[in-house]
Protein backbone atom coordinates (compact mmCIF):
# COMPACT_ATOMS: atom_id res chain seq x y z
CA MET A 1 -49.31 -33.60 -14.87
CA MET A 2 -47.99 -31.04 -12.34
CA GLU A 3 -47.90 -27.28 -12.89
CA LEU A 4 -46.14 -24.54 -11.12
CA ASP A 5 -48.52 -23.19 -8.65
CA HIS A 6 -46.81 -20.31 -6.52
CA LEU A 7 -43.61 -18.89 -5.26
CA VAL A 8 -42.77 -18.68 -1.66
CA ILE A 9 -40.94 -15.76 -0.04
CA ALA A 10 -39.99 -16.26 3.57
CA THR A 11 -39.69 -13.32 6.07
CA GLU A 12 -39.17 -13.15 9.73
CA ASP A 13 -41.94 -10.38 10.05
CA LEU A 14 -44.81 -10.33 7.58
CA GLY A 15 -45.36 -6.58 7.91
CA GLU A 16 -41.86 -5.63 7.31
CA GLY A 17 -41.18 -8.22 4.72
CA ALA A 18 -44.31 -7.25 2.79
CA ARG A 19 -43.21 -3.70 2.65
CA GLU A 20 -39.83 -4.69 1.29
CA ILE A 21 -41.37 -6.67 -1.53
CA GLU A 22 -43.96 -3.86 -2.34
CA ASP A 23 -41.10 -1.28 -2.46
CA LEU A 24 -39.17 -3.62 -4.88
CA LEU A 25 -42.03 -4.30 -7.21
CA GLY A 26 -43.73 -0.81 -6.84
CA LEU A 27 -47.01 -2.57 -6.16
CA GLU A 28 -49.33 -3.33 -3.10
CA LEU A 29 -49.72 -7.07 -2.02
CA ALA A 30 -53.15 -8.35 -1.40
CA PRO A 31 -54.30 -9.54 2.06
CA GLY A 32 -53.76 -13.27 2.54
CA GLY A 33 -54.76 -14.81 5.91
CA VAL A 34 -53.76 -17.19 8.61
CA HIS A 35 -52.94 -20.86 8.58
CA GLU A 36 -54.02 -22.02 11.91
CA ARG A 37 -52.59 -25.55 11.54
CA MET A 38 -49.08 -24.29 10.86
CA GLY A 39 -49.14 -21.09 12.90
CA THR A 40 -48.32 -18.87 9.89
CA HIS A 41 -49.77 -15.89 7.95
CA ASN A 42 -49.24 -14.59 4.57
CA ARG A 43 -49.78 -11.90 1.80
CA LEU A 44 -50.19 -12.58 -1.84
CA LEU A 45 -49.67 -11.12 -5.40
CA ASN A 46 -51.32 -12.50 -8.57
CA LEU A 47 -48.93 -13.41 -11.32
CA GLY A 48 -51.66 -14.66 -13.72
CA THR A 49 -51.87 -18.38 -13.54
CA VAL A 50 -49.43 -18.56 -10.64
CA TYR A 51 -49.15 -16.35 -7.55
CA LEU A 52 -46.56 -14.94 -5.21
CA GLU A 53 -46.81 -15.67 -1.52
CA ILE A 54 -44.81 -13.97 1.25
CA ILE A 55 -45.11 -15.92 4.55
CA ALA A 56 -44.00 -15.73 8.13
CA ILE A 57 -44.63 -17.25 11.52
CA ASN A 58 -47.61 -15.63 12.98
CA PRO A 59 -46.70 -14.36 16.52
CA ALA A 60 -50.33 -14.27 17.58
CA ALA A 61 -50.84 -18.08 16.77
CA ALA A 62 -50.43 -20.94 18.95
CA ALA A 63 -47.36 -23.08 18.29
CA PRO A 64 -48.48 -25.93 15.84
CA GLY A 65 -46.91 -28.78 17.89
CA ARG A 66 -44.79 -29.83 14.87
CA PRO A 67 -42.18 -28.21 12.64
CA ARG A 68 -43.80 -25.61 10.35
CA TRP A 69 -43.85 -25.91 6.62
CA TYR A 70 -41.06 -24.27 4.43
CA ALA A 71 -38.59 -24.61 7.29
CA LEU A 72 -39.83 -21.47 8.75
CA ASP A 73 -38.96 -22.46 12.29
CA GLY A 74 -35.22 -22.11 11.45
CA PHE A 75 -35.61 -19.05 9.10
CA LYS A 76 -33.32 -16.22 10.45
CA ALA A 77 -32.36 -14.33 7.32
CA PRO A 78 -33.31 -11.38 5.15
CA THR A 79 -36.65 -11.62 3.22
CA ARG A 80 -35.90 -13.74 0.28
CA LEU A 81 -37.39 -16.41 -2.18
CA THR A 82 -36.89 -19.84 -0.44
CA HIS A 83 -39.37 -22.25 -2.05
CA TRP A 84 -41.85 -22.89 -4.86
CA ALA A 85 -45.03 -25.17 -5.05
CA ALA A 86 -46.44 -27.36 -7.80
CA ARG A 87 -50.04 -28.25 -8.09
CA CYS A 88 -51.36 -31.76 -9.13
CA ASP A 89 -54.60 -33.54 -9.59
CA MET A 90 -53.57 -36.65 -7.49
CA LEU A 91 -51.46 -35.79 -4.45
CA SER A 92 -51.51 -39.53 -3.62
CA ASP A 93 -48.96 -39.97 -6.38
CA ALA A 94 -46.52 -37.55 -4.85
CA PRO A 95 -43.04 -39.33 -3.88
CA PRO A 96 -42.78 -40.02 -0.10
CA GLU A 97 -39.77 -37.67 0.23
CA ALA A 98 -42.20 -34.78 -0.54
CA GLY A 99 -44.00 -35.27 2.71
CA GLU A 100 -47.17 -36.61 4.38
CA PRO A 101 -50.29 -35.20 2.63
CA GLN A 102 -52.32 -33.07 5.00
CA GLU A 103 -55.62 -31.10 4.78
CA PHE A 104 -55.71 -27.34 4.97
CA THR A 105 -58.27 -24.59 4.77
CA ARG A 106 -58.06 -20.79 4.69
CA GLY A 107 -61.43 -18.95 4.17
CA ASP A 108 -63.11 -20.52 0.98
CA LEU A 109 -59.88 -22.25 -0.08
CA ARG A 110 -59.35 -26.02 0.60
CA TRP A 111 -56.31 -27.94 -0.35
CA ARG A 112 -54.16 -30.94 0.38
CA MET A 113 -50.42 -30.47 0.54
CA ALA A 114 -47.54 -32.84 1.35
CA VAL A 115 -45.39 -31.48 4.24
CA PRO A 116 -42.14 -33.13 5.41
CA ALA A 117 -42.04 -34.32 8.99
CA ASP A 118 -39.13 -31.93 9.68
CA GLY A 119 -40.50 -29.18 7.53
CA VAL A 120 -37.59 -29.33 5.16
CA LEU A 121 -38.20 -30.23 1.51
CA PRO A 122 -35.71 -32.31 -0.48
CA PHE A 123 -32.60 -30.71 -1.93
CA SER A 124 -32.54 -28.05 0.80
CA GLY A 125 -35.91 -26.68 -0.52
CA VAL A 126 -35.12 -26.61 -4.17
CA HIS A 127 -37.74 -29.56 -4.69
CA PRO A 128 -41.12 -28.18 -5.08
CA ALA A 129 -43.79 -28.46 -2.33
CA LEU A 130 -46.58 -30.47 -3.86
CA LEU A 131 -50.18 -29.59 -3.29
CA GLN A 132 -53.70 -30.45 -4.65
CA TRP A 133 -56.43 -27.83 -4.71
CA GLU A 134 -59.91 -29.13 -3.74
CA GLY A 135 -62.96 -27.65 -5.45
CA VAL A 136 -62.84 -24.79 -7.92
CA ASN A 137 -61.33 -22.08 -5.79
CA HIS A 138 -57.76 -20.82 -6.31
CA PRO A 139 -56.08 -17.71 -5.12
CA CYS A 140 -55.51 -16.45 -8.76
CA LYS A 141 -59.26 -16.32 -9.25
CA THR A 142 -59.73 -13.87 -6.51
CA LEU A 143 -56.72 -11.82 -6.29
CA PRO A 144 -56.70 -8.67 -8.04
CA GLU A 145 -54.79 -8.12 -11.34
CA SER A 146 -51.20 -6.87 -10.68
CA GLY A 147 -49.68 -6.57 -14.08
CA CYS A 148 -46.90 -8.98 -13.06
CA ARG A 149 -45.93 -12.28 -14.62
CA LEU A 150 -43.32 -14.68 -13.93
CA LYS A 151 -40.66 -14.71 -16.49
CA SER A 152 -38.18 -17.29 -15.23
CA LEU A 153 -37.45 -19.55 -12.22
CA GLU A 154 -33.87 -20.68 -11.94
CA LEU A 155 -33.19 -23.58 -9.39
CA ARG A 156 -29.59 -23.59 -8.27
CA HIS A 157 -28.13 -26.56 -6.53
CA PRO A 158 -24.66 -28.50 -6.23
CA ASP A 159 -26.45 -31.65 -7.35
CA ALA A 160 -28.16 -30.16 -10.39
CA LYS A 161 -28.51 -33.54 -12.08
CA GLY A 162 -30.17 -34.91 -9.02
CA VAL A 163 -32.66 -32.16 -9.02
CA GLU A 164 -33.29 -32.58 -12.73
CA ALA A 165 -33.99 -36.32 -12.15
CA ALA A 166 -36.32 -35.45 -9.20
CA LEU A 167 -38.23 -33.07 -11.37
CA ALA A 168 -38.44 -35.50 -14.27
CA SER A 169 -40.07 -38.07 -12.06
CA LEU A 170 -42.77 -35.69 -11.33
CA GLN A 171 -43.64 -35.39 -14.85
CA GLY A 172 -44.37 -31.57 -14.46
CA ASP A 173 -45.02 -28.91 -17.09
CA TRP A 174 -43.15 -25.73 -16.00
CA PRO A 175 -41.43 -24.15 -18.98
CA GLU A 176 -40.27 -21.29 -16.90
CA VAL A 177 -38.11 -23.53 -14.72
CA THR A 178 -34.40 -24.26 -15.32
CA VAL A 179 -31.88 -26.12 -13.14
CA VAL A 180 -28.35 -24.78 -12.78
CA GLN A 181 -25.38 -26.15 -10.94
CA GLY A 182 -24.31 -23.83 -7.94
CA PRO A 183 -24.91 -23.00 -4.38
CA VAL A 184 -28.54 -23.50 -3.26
CA ALA A 185 -30.74 -20.62 -4.34
CA LEU A 186 -34.01 -19.90 -6.18
CA VAL A 187 -33.78 -17.06 -8.58
CA ALA A 188 -37.02 -15.55 -10.05
CA THR A 189 -37.57 -12.85 -12.48
CA LEU A 190 -40.86 -11.10 -12.75
CA SER A 191 -42.01 -8.80 -15.58
CA THR A 192 -43.66 -5.77 -13.91
CA PRO A 193 -45.32 -2.49 -15.06
CA GLN A 194 -41.99 -0.93 -14.12
CA GLY A 195 -39.86 -3.42 -15.96
CA ASP A 196 -38.15 -6.70 -15.07
CA VAL A 197 -37.35 -7.28 -11.50
CA GLN A 198 -35.42 -10.15 -9.78
CA LEU A 199 -36.81 -11.32 -6.38
CA PRO A 200 -34.37 -11.33 -3.44
CA ALA A 201 -32.63 -14.89 -3.41
């Protein structure tokens, strides 16, 4: 059974993007770290059993020699929600179109994640990135409490029926997620201490 793991906000500059999200939510994001294998870095926010990640290309890192995950190489746009990730116990069961499983580490965290060869997930990124955490560590166990929770995640795509079929094949349990016909977009609403907030889509 797969479960929603985290939301992914892409930004061109991590410092500037993080400040935008902090201003929107009225909260401070927690430090994340660097992903040497992908040449990226991030900041995080605890949402209870899931978390929010804001990620960007790390200008201080060496180029990875392959397309980066989450289609970041071609991201030239305002800071916005672009992807979501689902966790599973057996990444070997992931469909081939989700990508090639690879090993990653960041500090005490270890995980395997399916990454497409071109960095682009199916359905223009509306399909979840699939990962498997190794060991007992997970970001939500160490991130400070934020008072924020995910209320809903709406997946918009012209081929809504195709997205629904793909999600059904994953046999996931994500009651917050709905699929809607329309232009490609991910629309997430968070409950915060200041009230409900919709992330930039």
